[in-house]
Amino acid sequence: MNIKIDPTISRTSPVSNVRAHTGASTQTPTRTAPQQPSTPGDALRLTAAAQRLQGLQQALASGGNSDPQRIAGLRAAIDNGSYPIDASRIAARLARFEWEFQGR
């Protein structure tokens, strides 16, 4: 027997409101407004990774601590090919980022 789930039916609706896949119904489904949390102590806790991401998002939104002169110097060094690239340092920092992002 296949049963079709109607998402508009409240979780607390009686079993008699469930309709079979055939569309037959013993009673018209009851539609209710979304319910508020049942206890005032309900809370949401973010993981450490989510908190770090939230902090980064806020820092980026506020403009951060950018130094326009340093940025211009870096762009010029990249453009003229004099910017030194240390592949092992980049790899180490990527590995560290992944490790921290996974919360380890």
PDB file of N, CA and C in Angstrom:
ATOM      1  N   MET A   1       0.844  -1.175   0.000  1.00  0.00           N
ATOM      2  CA  MET A   1       0.000   0.000   0.000  1.00  0.00           C
ATOM      3  C   MET A   1       0.887   1.233   0.000  1.00  0.00           C
ATOM      4  N   ASN A   2       0.622   2.154  -0.883  1.00  0.00           N
ATOM      5  CA  ASN A   2       1.370   3.401  -0.962  1.00  0.00           C
ATOM      6  C   ASN A   2       0.599   4.489  -0.241  1.00  0.00           C
ATOM      7  N   ILE A   3       1.327   5.320   0.493  1.00  0.00           N
ATOM      8  CA  ILE A   3       0.703   6.424   1.226  1.00  0.00           C
ATOM      9  C   ILE A   3       1.313   7.719   0.735  1.00  0.00           C
ATOM     10  N   LYS A   4       0.475   8.676   0.423  1.00  0.00           N
ATOM     11  CA  LYS A   4       0.930   9.994  -0.009  1.00  0.00           C
ATOM     12  C   LYS A   4       0.949  10.896   1.215  1.00  0.00           C
ATOM     13  N   ILE A   5       2.070  11.569   1.439  1.00  0.00           N
ATOM     14  CA  ILE A   5       2.207  12.456   2.595  1.00  0.00           C
ATOM     15  C   ILE A   5       1.835  13.861   2.175  1.00  0.00           C
ATOM     16  N   ASP A   6       0.917  14.461   2.919  1.00  0.00           N
ATOM     17  CA  ASP A   6       0.463  15.812   2.642  1.00  0.00           C
ATOM     18  C   ASP A   6       1.199  16.746   3.600  1.00  0.00           C
ATOM     19  N   PRO A   7       2.157  17.578   3.116  1.00  0.00           N
ATOM     20  CA  PRO A   7       2.938  18.435   4.010  1.00  0.00           C
ATOM     21  C   PRO A   7       2.121  19.548   4.661  1.00  0.00           C
ATOM     22  N   THR A   8       0.904  19.758   4.208  1.00  0.00           N
ATOM     23  CA  THR A   8       0.094  20.828   4.793  1.00  0.00           C
ATOM     24  C   THR A   8      -0.616  20.365   6.056  1.00  0.00           C
ATOM     25  N   ILE A   9      -0.549  19.083   6.346  1.00  0.00           N
ATOM     26  CA  ILE A   9      -1.190  18.561   7.551  1.00  0.00           C
ATOM     27  C   ILE A   9      -0.254  18.767   8.722  1.00  0.00           C
ATOM     28  N   SER A  10      -0.769  19.249   9.823  1.00  0.00           N
ATOM     29  CA  SER A  10       0.026  19.484  11.016  1.00  0.00           C
ATOM     30  C   SER A  10       0.543  18.158  11.559  1.00  0.00           C
ATOM     31  N   ARG A  11       1.701  18.188  12.186  1.00  0.00           N
ATOM     32  CA  ARG A  11       2.264  16.979  12.777  1.00  0.00           C
ATOM     33  C   ARG A  11       1.382  16.425  13.884  1.00  0.00           C
ATOM     34  N   THR A  12       0.613  17.275  14.495  1.00  0.00           N
ATOM     35  CA  THR A  12      -0.224  16.831  15.605  1.00  0.00           C
ATOM     36  C   THR A  12      -1.625  16.452  15.152  1.00  0.00           C
ATOM     37  N   SER A  13      -1.864  16.409  13.848  1.00  0.00           N
ATOM     38  CA  SER A  13      -3.175  16.035  13.342  1.00  0.00           C
ATOM     39  C   SER A  13      -3.443  14.568  13.640  1.00  0.00           C
ATOM     40  N   PRO A  14      -4.702  14.222  13.889  1.00  0.00           N
ATOM     41  CA  PRO A  14      -5.018  12.824  14.145  1.00  0.00           C
ATOM     42  C   PRO A  14      -4.742  11.969  12.920  1.00  0.00           C
ATOM     43  N   VAL A  15      -4.538  10.688  13.144  1.00  0.00           N
ATOM     44  CA  VAL A  15      -4.230   9.752  12.070  1.00  0.00           C
ATOM     45  C   VAL A  15      -5.338   9.717  11.031  1.00  0.00           C
ATOM     46  N   SER A  16      -6.550  10.020  11.400  1.00  0.00           N
ATOM     47  CA  SER A  16      -7.665   9.969  10.457  1.00  0.00           C
ATOM     48  C   SER A  16      -7.519  10.992   9.333  1.00  0.00           C
ATOM     49  N   ASN A  17      -6.594  11.942   9.472  1.00  0.00           N
ATOM     50  CA  ASN A  17      -6.402  12.954   8.432  1.00  0.00           C
ATOM     51  C   ASN A  17      -5.441  12.499   7.337  1.00  0.00           C
ATOM     52  N   VAL A  18      -4.841  11.331   7.479  1.00  0.00           N
ATOM     53  CA  VAL A  18      -3.893  10.841   6.495  1.00  0.00           C
ATOM     54  C   VAL A  18      -4.665  10.262   5.320  1.00  0.00           C
ATOM     55  N   ARG A  19      -4.261  10.645   4.088  1.00  0.00           N
ATOM     56  CA  ARG A  19      -4.928  10.152   2.886  1.00  0.00           C
ATOM     57  C   ARG A  19      -4.073   9.088   2.222  1.00  0.00           C
ATOM     58  N   ALA A  20      -4.721   8.082   1.698  1.00  0.00           N
ATOM     59  CA  ALA A  20      -4.005   7.041   0.958  1.00  0.00           C
ATOM     60  C   ALA A  20      -3.612   7.594  -0.403  1.00  0.00           C
ATOM     61  N   HIS A  21      -2.677   6.943  -1.052  1.00  0.00           N
ATOM     62  CA  HIS A  21      -2.184   7.359  -2.360  1.00  0.00           C
ATOM     63  C   HIS A  21      -3.308   7.440  -3.400  1.00  0.00           C
ATOM     64  N   THR A  22      -4.347   6.697  -3.208  1.00  0.00           N
ATOM     65  CA  THR A  22      -5.451   6.695  -4.170  1.00  0.00           C
ATOM     66  C   THR A  22      -6.234   7.987  -4.144  1.00  0.00           C
ATOM     67  N   GLY A  23      -6.013   8.804  -3.122  1.00  0.00           N
ATOM     68  CA  GLY A  23      -6.737  10.068  -3.021  1.00  0.00           C
ATOM     69  C   GLY A  23      -7.972   9.950  -2.141  1.00  0.00           C
ATOM     70  N   ALA A  24      -8.307   8.732  -1.746  1.00  0.00           N
ATOM     71  CA  ALA A  24      -9.466   8.559  -0.874  1.00  0.00           C
ATOM     72  C   ALA A  24      -9.153   9.152   0.482  1.00  0.00           C
ATOM     73  N   SER A  25     -10.153   9.689   1.102  1.00  0.00           N
ATOM     74  CA  SER A  25      -9.954  10.315   2.392  1.00  0.00           C
ATOM     75  C   SER A  25     -11.125  10.006   3.288  1.00  0.00           C
ATOM     76  N   THR A  26     -10.817   9.732   4.536  1.00  0.00           N
ATOM     77  CA  THR A  26     -11.889   9.504   5.489  1.00  0.00           C
ATOM     78  C   THR A  26     -12.364  10.815   6.080  1.00  0.00           C
ATOM     79  N   GLN A  27     -11.521  11.833   5.970  1.00  0.00           N
ATOM     80  CA  GLN A  27     -11.847  13.136   6.542  1.00  0.00           C
ATOM     81  C   GLN A  27     -11.010  14.192   5.832  1.00  0.00           C
ATOM     82  N   THR A  28     -11.508  15.407   5.737  1.00  0.00           N
ATOM     83  CA  THR A  28     -10.756  16.494   5.109  1.00  0.00           C
ATOM     84  C   THR A  28      -9.578  16.855   6.003  1.00  0.00           C
ATOM     85  N   PRO A  29      -8.371  16.987   5.428  1.00  0.00           N
ATOM     86  CA  PRO A  29      -7.196  17.330   6.242  1.00  0.00           C
ATOM     87  C   PRO A  29      -7.378  18.660   6.959  1.00  0.00           C
ATOM     88  N   THR A  30      -6.888  18.704   8.164  1.00  0.00           N
ATOM     89  CA  THR A  30      -6.937  19.922   8.961  1.00  0.00           C
ATOM     90  C   THR A  30      -5.697  20.739   8.659  1.00  0.00           C
ATOM     91  N   ARG A  31      -5.867  21.986   8.311  1.00  0.00           N
ATOM     92  CA  ARG A  31      -4.728  22.878   8.066  1.00  0.00           C
ATOM     93  C   ARG A  31      -4.580  23.793   9.265  1.00  0.00           C
ATOM     94  N   THR A  32      -3.373  23.848   9.780  1.00  0.00           N
ATOM     95  CA  THR A  32      -3.119  24.676  10.942  1.00  0.00           C
ATOM     96  C   THR A  32      -1.992  25.651  10.650  1.00  0.00           C
ATOM     97  N   ALA A  33      -1.949  26.722  11.402  1.00  0.00           N
ATOM     98  CA  ALA A  33      -0.879  27.708  11.267  1.00  0.00           C
ATOM     99  C   ALA A  33       0.404  27.112  11.844  1.00  0.00           C
ATOM    100  N   PRO A  34       1.571  27.574  11.383  1.00  0.00           N
ATOM    101  CA  PRO A  34       2.817  27.075  11.959  1.00  0.00           C
ATOM    102  C   PRO A  34       2.828  27.290  13.457  1.00  0.00           C
ATOM    103  N   GLN A  35       3.348  26.306  14.162  1.00  0.00           N
ATOM    104  CA  GLN A  35       3.360  26.372  15.617  1.00  0.00           C
ATOM    105  C   GLN A  35       4.643  27.014  16.122  1.00  0.00           C
ATOM    106  N   GLN A  36       4.535  27.740  17.201  1.00  0.00           N
ATOM    107  CA  GLN A  36       5.681  28.332  17.861  1.00  0.00           C
ATOM    108  C   GLN A  36       6.356  27.246  18.702  1.00  0.00           C
ATOM    109  N   PRO A  37       7.628  27.428  19.057  1.00  0.00           N
ATOM    110  CA  PRO A  37       8.290  26.437  19.901  1.00  0.00           C
ATOM    111  C   PRO A  37       7.478  26.196  21.164  1.00  0.00           C
ATOM    112  N   SER A  38       7.419  24.938  21.574  1.00  0.00           N
ATOM    113  CA  SER A  38       6.578  24.578  22.704  1.00  0.00           C
ATOM    114  C   SER A  38       7.160  25.006  24.038  1.00  0.00           C
ATOM    115  N   THR A  39       8.473  25.149  24.105  1.00  0.00           N
ATOM    116  CA  THR A  39       9.076  25.564  25.369  1.00  0.00           C
ATOM    117  C   THR A  39       9.871  26.835  25.156  1.00  0.00           C
ATOM    118  N   PRO A  40       9.830  27.743  26.124  1.00  0.00           N
ATOM    119  CA  PRO A  40      10.566  28.992  25.971  1.00  0.00           C
ATOM    120  C   PRO A  40      12.078  28.786  25.984  1.00  0.00           C
ATOM    121  N   GLY A  41      12.551  27.618  26.397  1.00  0.00           N
ATOM    122  CA  GLY A  41      13.981  27.365  26.474  1.00  0.00           C
ATOM    123  C   GLY A  41      14.591  26.868  25.176  1.00  0.00           C
ATOM    124  N   ASP A  42      13.803  26.777  24.098  1.00  0.00           N
ATOM    125  CA  ASP A  42      14.360  26.322  22.826  1.00  0.00           C
ATOM    126  C   ASP A  42      15.468  27.273  22.390  1.00  0.00           C
ATOM    127  N   ALA A  43      16.561  26.704  21.904  1.00  0.00           N
ATOM    128  CA  ALA A  43      17.695  27.539  21.530  1.00  0.00           C
ATOM    129  C   ALA A  43      18.424  26.912  20.353  1.00  0.00           C
ATOM    130  N   LEU A  44      19.204  27.716  19.691  1.00  0.00           N
ATOM    131  CA  LEU A  44      20.012  27.275  18.571  1.00  0.00           C
ATOM    132  C   LEU A  44      21.468  27.537  18.917  1.00  0.00           C
ATOM    133  N   ARG A  45      22.311  26.512  18.762  1.00  0.00           N
ATOM    134  CA  ARG A  45      23.735  26.673  19.013  1.00  0.00           C
ATOM    135  C   ARG A  45      24.483  26.441  17.716  1.00  0.00           C
ATOM    136  N   LEU A  46      25.344  27.367  17.367  1.00  0.00           N
ATOM    137  CA  LEU A  46      26.156  27.240  16.164  1.00  0.00           C
ATOM    138  C   LEU A  46      27.426  26.461  16.479  1.00  0.00           C
ATOM    139  N   THR A  47      27.876  25.676  15.520  1.00  0.00           N
ATOM    140  CA  THR A  47      29.143  24.985  15.699  1.00  0.00           C
ATOM    141  C   THR A  47      30.271  26.003  15.680  1.00  0.00           C
ATOM    142  N   ALA A  48      31.434  25.570  16.102  1.00  0.00           N
ATOM    143  CA  ALA A  48      32.589  26.476  16.110  1.00  0.00           C
ATOM    144  C   ALA A  48      32.908  26.946  14.696  1.00  0.00           C
ATOM    145  N   ALA A  49      32.791  26.041  13.722  1.00  0.00           N
ATOM    146  CA  ALA A  49      33.061  26.423  12.328  1.00  0.00           C
ATOM    147  C   ALA A  49      32.056  27.462  11.849  1.00  0.00           C
ATOM    148  N   ALA A  50      30.792  27.291  12.208  1.00  0.00           N
ATOM    149  CA  ALA A  50      29.767  28.254  11.801  1.00  0.00           C
ATOM    150  C   ALA A  50      30.009  29.611  12.462  1.00  0.00           C
ATOM    151  N   GLN A  51      30.474  29.603  13.696  1.00  0.00           N
ATOM    152  CA  GLN A  51      30.771  30.863  14.381  1.00  0.00           C
ATOM    153  C   GLN A  51      31.942  31.580  13.711  1.00  0.00           C
ATOM    154  N   ARG A  52      32.954  30.808  13.296  1.00  0.00           N
ATOM    155  CA  ARG A  52      34.097  31.423  12.594  1.00  0.00           C
ATOM    156  C   ARG A  52      33.651  32.014  11.263  1.00  0.00           C
ATOM    157  N   LEU A  53      32.812  31.274  10.541  1.00  0.00           N
ATOM    158  CA  LEU A  53      32.316  31.792   9.268  1.00  0.00           C
ATOM    159  C   LEU A  53      31.476  33.038   9.462  1.00  0.00           C
ATOM    160  N   GLN A  54      30.686  33.053  10.515  1.00  0.00           N
ATOM    161  CA  GLN A  54      29.862  34.227  10.801  1.00  0.00           C
ATOM    162  C   GLN A  54      30.759  35.431  11.104  1.00  0.00           C
ATOM    163  N   GLY A  55      31.828  35.215  11.851  1.00  0.00           N
ATOM    164  CA  GLY A  55      32.769  36.291  12.156  1.00  0.00           C
ATOM    165  C   GLY A  55      33.459  36.814  10.904  1.00  0.00           C
ATOM    166  N   LEU A  56      33.846  35.888  10.016  1.00  0.00           N
ATOM    167  CA  LEU A  56      34.466  36.305   8.758  1.00  0.00           C
ATOM    168  C   LEU A  56      33.501  37.101   7.900  1.00  0.00           C
ATOM    169  N   GLN A  57      32.258  36.656   7.866  1.00  0.00           N
ATOM    170  CA  GLN A  57      31.247  37.358   7.073  1.00  0.00           C
ATOM    171  C   GLN A  57      31.044  38.779   7.596  1.00  0.00           C
ATOM    172  N   GLN A  58      30.994  38.933   8.906  1.00  0.00           N
ATOM    173  CA  GLN A  58      30.831  40.264   9.496  1.00  0.00           C
ATOM    174  C   GLN A  58      32.045  41.136   9.217  1.00  0.00           C
ATOM    175  N   ALA A  59      33.240  40.555   9.289  1.00  0.00           N
ATOM    176  CA  ALA A  59      34.457  41.331   9.021  1.00  0.00           C
ATOM    177  C   ALA A  59      34.496  41.790   7.568  1.00  0.00           C
ATOM    178  N   LEU A  60      34.117  40.906   6.657  1.00  0.00           N
ATOM    179  CA  LEU A  60      34.098  41.285   5.245  1.00  0.00           C
ATOM    180  C   LEU A  60      33.048  42.351   4.959  1.00  0.00           C
ATOM    181  N   ALA A  61      31.901  42.245   5.622  1.00  0.00           N
ATOM    182  CA  ALA A  61      30.830  43.216   5.403  1.00  0.00           C
ATOM    183  C   ALA A  61      31.222  44.605   5.912  1.00  0.00           C
ATOM    184  N   SER A  62      32.050  44.645   6.964  1.00  0.00           N
ATOM    185  CA  SER A  62      32.439  45.940   7.532  1.00  0.00           C
ATOM    186  C   SER A  62      33.654  46.548   6.833  1.00  0.00           C
ATOM    187  N   GLY A  63      34.200  45.862   5.862  1.00  0.00           N
ATOM    188  CA  GLY A  63      35.348  46.415   5.138  1.00  0.00           C
ATOM    189  C   GLY A  63      36.671  45.885   5.636  1.00  0.00           C
ATOM    190  N   GLY A  64      36.686  45.267   6.799  1.00  0.00           N
ATOM    191  CA  GLY A  64      37.918  44.684   7.321  1.00  0.00           C
ATOM    192  C   GLY A  64      38.996  45.717   7.580  1.00  0.00           C
ATOM    193  N   ASN A  65      40.207  45.228   7.720  1.00  0.00           N
ATOM    194  CA  ASN A  65      41.365  46.097   7.968  1.00  0.00           C
ATOM    195  C   ASN A  65      42.253  46.096   6.735  1.00  0.00           C
ATOM    196  N   SER A  66      41.783  46.654   5.649  1.00  0.00           N
ATOM    197  CA  SER A  66      42.580  46.657   4.428  1.00  0.00           C
ATOM    198  C   SER A  66      43.474  47.891   4.388  1.00  0.00           C
ATOM    199  N   ASP A  67      44.648  47.689   3.811  1.00  0.00           N
ATOM    200  CA  ASP A  67      45.628  48.761   3.658  1.00  0.00           C
ATOM    201  C   ASP A  67      45.777  49.022   2.159  1.00  0.00           C
ATOM    202  N   PRO A  68      45.148  50.091   1.663  1.00  0.00           N
ATOM    203  CA  PRO A  68      45.168  50.362   0.216  1.00  0.00           C
ATOM    204  C   PRO A  68      46.570  50.466  -0.372  1.00  0.00           C
ATOM    205  N   GLN A  69      47.532  51.026   0.371  1.00  0.00           N
ATOM    206  CA  GLN A  69      48.902  51.160  -0.135  1.00  0.00           C
ATOM    207  C   GLN A  69      49.565  49.793  -0.282  1.00  0.00           C
ATOM    208  N   ARG A  70      49.355  48.922   0.691  1.00  0.00           N
ATOM    209  CA  ARG A  70      49.934  47.574   0.617  1.00  0.00           C
ATOM    210  C   ARG A  70      49.318  46.801  -0.543  1.00  0.00           C
ATOM    211  N   ILE A  71      48.016  46.929  -0.715  1.00  0.00           N
ATOM    212  CA  ILE A  71      47.334  46.251  -1.814  1.00  0.00           C
ATOM    213  C   ILE A  71      47.869  46.727  -3.159  1.00  0.00           C
ATOM    214  N   ALA A  72      48.070  48.039  -3.289  1.00  0.00           N
ATOM    215  CA  ALA A  72      48.615  48.587  -4.540  1.00  0.00           C
ATOM    216  C   ALA A  72      50.016  48.053  -4.792  1.00  0.00           C
ATOM    217  N   GLY A  73      50.828  47.944  -3.756  1.00  0.00           N
ATOM    218  CA  GLY A  73      52.184  47.413  -3.888  1.00  0.00           C
ATOM    219  C   GLY A  73      52.180  45.949  -4.313  1.00  0.00           C
ATOM    220  N   LEU A  74      51.278  45.168  -3.723  1.00  0.00           N
ATOM    221  CA  LEU A  74      51.171  43.750  -4.084  1.00  0.00           C
ATOM    222  C   LEU A  74      50.719  43.584  -5.532  1.00  0.00           C
ATOM    223  N   ARG A  75      49.768  44.397  -5.941  1.00  0.00           N
ATOM    224  CA  ARG A  75      49.288  44.330  -7.333  1.00  0.00           C
ATOM    225  C   ARG A  75      50.404  44.680  -8.318  1.00  0.00           C
ATOM    226  N   ALA A  76      51.180  45.681  -7.978  1.00  0.00           N
ATOM    227  CA  ALA A  76      52.284  46.086  -8.850  1.00  0.00           C
ATOM    228  C   ALA A  76      53.329  44.973  -8.937  1.00  0.00           C
ATOM    229  N   ALA A  77      53.643  44.339  -7.811  1.00  0.00           N
ATOM    230  CA  ALA A  77      54.624  43.248  -7.799  1.00  0.00           C
ATOM    231  C   ALA A  77      54.128  42.049  -8.609  1.00  0.00           C
ATOM    232  N   ILE A  78      52.854  41.762  -8.499  1.00  0.00           N
ATOM    233  CA  ILE A  78      52.277  40.655  -9.288  1.00  0.00           C
ATOM    234  C   ILE A  78      52.319  41.004 -10.768  1.00  0.00           C
ATOM    235  N   ASP A  79      51.928  42.227 -11.105  1.00  0.00           N
ATOM    236  CA  ASP A  79      51.900  42.652 -12.509  1.00  0.00           C
ATOM    237  C   ASP A  79      53.278  42.609 -13.169  1.00  0.00           C
ATOM    238  N   ASN A  80      54.314  43.030 -12.420  1.00  0.00           N
ATOM    239  CA  ASN A  80      55.646  43.059 -13.040  1.00  0.00           C
ATOM    240  C   ASN A  80      56.433  41.762 -12.817  1.00  0.00           C
ATOM    241  N   GLY A  81      55.819  40.780 -12.177  1.00  0.00           N
ATOM    242  CA  GLY A  81      56.444  39.461 -12.012  1.00  0.00           C
ATOM    243  C   GLY A  81      57.456  39.352 -10.897  1.00  0.00           C
ATOM    244  N   SER A  82      57.531  40.341 -10.008  1.00  0.00           N
ATOM    245  CA  SER A  82      58.523  40.292  -8.933  1.00  0.00           C
ATOM    246  C   SER A  82      57.959  39.758  -7.606  1.00  0.00           C
ATOM    247  N   TYR A  83      56.705  39.368  -7.594  1.00  0.00           N
ATOM    248  CA  TYR A  83      56.108  38.845  -6.351  1.00  0.00           C
ATOM    249  C   TYR A  83      56.574  37.408  -6.134  1.00  0.00           C
ATOM    250  N   PRO A  84      57.230  37.145  -4.993  1.00  0.00           N
ATOM    251  CA  PRO A  84      57.739  35.789  -4.753  1.00  0.00           C
ATOM    252  C   PRO A  84      56.594  34.831  -4.362  1.00  0.00           C
ATOM    253  N   ILE A  85      56.592  33.648  -4.980  1.00  0.00           N
ATOM    254  CA  ILE A  85      55.577  32.646  -4.670  1.00  0.00           C
ATOM    255  C   ILE A  85      56.252  31.482  -3.967  1.00  0.00           C
ATOM    256  N   ASP A  86      55.819  31.197  -2.742  1.00  0.00           N
ATOM    257  CA  ASP A  86      56.363  30.090  -1.954  1.00  0.00           C
ATOM    258  C   ASP A  86      55.294  28.988  -1.916  1.00  0.00           C
ATOM    259  N   ALA A  87      55.438  28.013  -2.807  1.00  0.00           N
ATOM    260  CA  ALA A  87      54.427  26.954  -2.951  1.00  0.00           C
ATOM    261  C   ALA A  87      54.241  26.167  -1.666  1.00  0.00           C
ATOM    262  N   SER A  88      55.305  25.891  -0.931  1.00  0.00           N
ATOM    263  CA  SER A  88      55.169  25.095   0.299  1.00  0.00           C
ATOM    264  C   SER A  88      54.409  25.879   1.373  1.00  0.00           C
ATOM    265  N   ARG A  89      54.614  27.189   1.420  1.00  0.00           N
ATOM    266  CA  ARG A  89      53.882  28.022   2.382  1.00  0.00           C
ATOM    267  C   ARG A  89      52.391  28.066   2.035  1.00  0.00           C
ATOM    268  N   ILE A  90      52.074  28.173   0.738  1.00  0.00           N
ATOM    269  CA  ILE A  90      50.683  28.181   0.295  1.00  0.00           C
ATOM    270  C   ILE A  90      50.020  26.854   0.638  1.00  0.00           C
ATOM    271  N   ALA A  91      50.709  25.751   0.365  1.00  0.00           N
ATOM    272  CA  ALA A  91      50.165  24.421   0.663  1.00  0.00           C
ATOM    273  C   ALA A  91      49.932  24.251   2.157  1.00  0.00           C
ATOM    274  N   ALA A  92      50.873  24.700   2.970  1.00  0.00           N
ATOM    275  CA  ALA A  92      50.725  24.581   4.423  1.00  0.00           C
ATOM    276  C   ALA A  92      49.533  25.381   4.931  1.00  0.00           C
ATOM    277  N   ARG A  93      49.363  26.565   4.393  1.00  0.00           N
ATOM    278  CA  ARG A  93      48.232  27.397   4.831  1.00  0.00           C
ATOM    279  C   ARG A  93      46.893  26.835   4.364  1.00  0.00           C
ATOM    280  N   LEU A  94      46.861  26.261   3.163  1.00  0.00           N
ATOM    281  CA  LEU A  94      45.627  25.623   2.692  1.00  0.00           C
ATOM    282  C   LEU A  94      45.278  24.434   3.579  1.00  0.00           C
ATOM    283  N   ALA A  95      46.285  23.628   3.921  1.00  0.00           N
ATOM    284  CA  ALA A  95      46.051  22.475   4.795  1.00  0.00           C
ATOM    285  C   ALA A  95      45.566  22.934   6.170  1.00  0.00           C
ATOM    286  N   ARG A  96      46.167  23.987   6.698  1.00  0.00           N
ATOM    287  CA  ARG A  96      45.747  24.519   8.004  1.00  0.00           C
ATOM    288  C   ARG A  96      44.312  25.040   7.942  1.00  0.00           C
ATOM    289  N   PHE A  97      43.972  25.741   6.858  1.00  0.00           N
ATOM    290  CA  PHE A  97      42.614  26.251   6.696  1.00  0.00           C
ATOM    291  C   PHE A  97      41.620  25.106   6.692  1.00  0.00           C
ATOM    292  N   GLU A  98      41.891  24.047   5.911  1.00  0.00           N
ATOM    293  CA  GLU A  98      41.000  22.887   5.856  1.00  0.00           C
ATOM    294  C   GLU A  98      40.866  22.254   7.224  1.00  0.00           C
ATOM    295  N   TRP A  99      41.961  22.117   7.945  1.00  0.00           N
ATOM    296  CA  TRP A  99      41.957  21.518   9.268  1.00  0.00           C
ATOM    297  C   TRP A  99      41.105  22.341  10.242  1.00  0.00           C
ATOM    298  N   GLU A 100      41.270  23.657  10.216  1.00  0.00           N
ATOM    299  CA  GLU A 100      40.499  24.536  11.094  1.00  0.00           C
ATOM    300  C   GLU A 100      39.029  24.578  10.685  1.00  0.00           C
ATOM    301  N   PHE A 101      38.787  24.573   9.391  1.00  0.00           N
ATOM    302  CA  PHE A 101      37.401  24.644   8.899  1.00  0.00           C
ATOM    303  C   PHE A 101      36.611  23.418   9.326  1.00  0.00           C
ATOM    304  N   GLN A 102      37.276  22.289   9.408  1.00  0.00           N
ATOM    305  CA  GLN A 102      36.602  21.057   9.819  1.00  0.00           C
ATOM    306  C   GLN A 102      36.514  20.950  11.342  1.00  0.00           C
ATOM    307  N   GLY A 103      37.035  21.932  12.041  1.00  0.00           N
ATOM    308  CA  GLY A 103      36.915  21.990  13.497  1.00  0.00           C
ATOM    309  C   GLY A 103      37.798  21.017  14.228  1.00  0.00           C
ATOM    310  N   ARG A 104      38.959  20.753  13.716  1.00  0.00           N
ATOM    311  CA  ARG A 104      39.858  19.806  14.381  1.00  0.00           C
ATOM    312  C   ARG A 104      41.000  20.503  15.029  1.00  0.00           C
TER     313      ARG A 104
END
